Amino acid sequence: MAGGVPIKNPYRPGAANTPLFLAGRESQERILRAILRGAPEIPANYRITGVRGVGKTVLLKHFEEVTKRELNWAVGRLQLEPRHNREDAIVGVLHDLLLDVQAQVSRTESFRQKTEAVISGARSLATMAFEDVTVSLGGSANSKESNLAADLLETARIAVRSGRAGLVLMLDEAQVLVDDKDRDGQHPLSLLIAAVNTLQEQQVPVALVLCGLPTLIANLLKARTYSERMFREEEVGRLTRDQTREAFLRPLDGTGKEASEDLLSAVMDDVEGYPYFVQLWGAELWDDAVDTSLNVLTADLLKGLRESIFKRLDHDFYSPRLDSLTPAEQDLLLLTGDCDYPPLRTADIHNVTSRKQGNVNVLMGRLADQGVVYRLQKGLYEYTAPNFHEYLIRRKSRSMWT
């Protein structure tokens, strides 16, 4: 305590909560800095993928701060939702986002109103000049693609005139954008990629950062074959043991509390390098240490807390993924806990359920659409949340207890 005021818990578990210390992501930041240094002569596009719990959203928020404050780019960051997986929806939500970016860089509400009028007028033009470059929005581009390109172009214009290097569009949960197989269907991801590519080919300073689950990789390739060459690719995974140690210890600096070596070893074994777990374990240990007036966090303290920690983990991190599903989807997902893993094989699922093969395939497809599992290849899946299989086993064990 300082001046009678208790020190707040230095750990921050929860969706997208930024930790006091971001460990083990220096290489990803270096890549971001490098690609933006090379823009617009070299198109700056960054694709980041990983499972749940590795800190993708936290990393994207960190990127936003670095890009704005240190690299002097205007930034529009948005977390996409399934409702955005339509052409008109993605164009509409990005239009609103870009108007907000324009207002931020122009710093006056009146200027925002003027630029909105400019964009409306610009959409009727076949071409628009960016300084000494003319960017064509005609040809085969559909009207929605042209509208999005116009919004991006005008925002980049305003950013540059306001002294920024350009515009960076950062989209989280980008795996929700999936093009229809039908040529006449919805193609929101293709539309986004094509609009950005149209501008980048003319060296307009527009950059795109997409962040999402591993399914984003296949979605991009199916949308536009050239996307493989368009993006710098990075998979965000678990922290190393040294990085995990630092992520756990650094928040304790200046608090008057410390961790014993036996506790550190036990925590690292439990959390397996997942940043979300580091924060959860730390938060629970801190609260108990405060309640018991302990200044040294020990393995004995963790031993007494481990059951309650896993209950909180299950309630906060895993259970919501089940609660949002239909009863049929829940039943099938729970049964996958009886299968060997990894990976999850549909052949094994058929052995533990009475459902017909076609029904199992449909349900697994729906689970993939909702981001609970992702498809490795035909008949093979993995969960999007780390250690989800162990959770299903714990859940079944608890339900059997009487």
Foldseek 3Di string as FASTA:
>chain_A
DPPPDADDQQFDFDPLDAHPDDFDCVVVLVLQVVLLVVALVAAAEAEEAAFPQQNLSNVLVVSQCCCVPPVQEQEQEDEDDLVCQFLVSVLVVVLVSLLVSLCVLVVDPVVSVVLVVVLVVCLVDQWDDQVPFIQGLDDPHDSSLSSSLSSQSSSQSSSVVSPGPGYEYEYEQVLSHAADPDPPGGHNPLSVVVSSVSCSVRRRGYYYYYYHYPSVVVRNCVSPVCVVVNYDYDYRDFDDLVRLLCLLAVSCPPNLAEEDPQLSVVQCVVVVRRSSSSSLLSSQQVVVCVVVVHRYRYPVSCVVCVVVSVVCCCVRPPVVLLVVDDPVLNVLVLQQLVFDDVKRFLVRSVVRDPDDSVVSVVSVVVSCSSQQWHDPDVRTIHGSDPPNSVSSVVVVVVVPDD
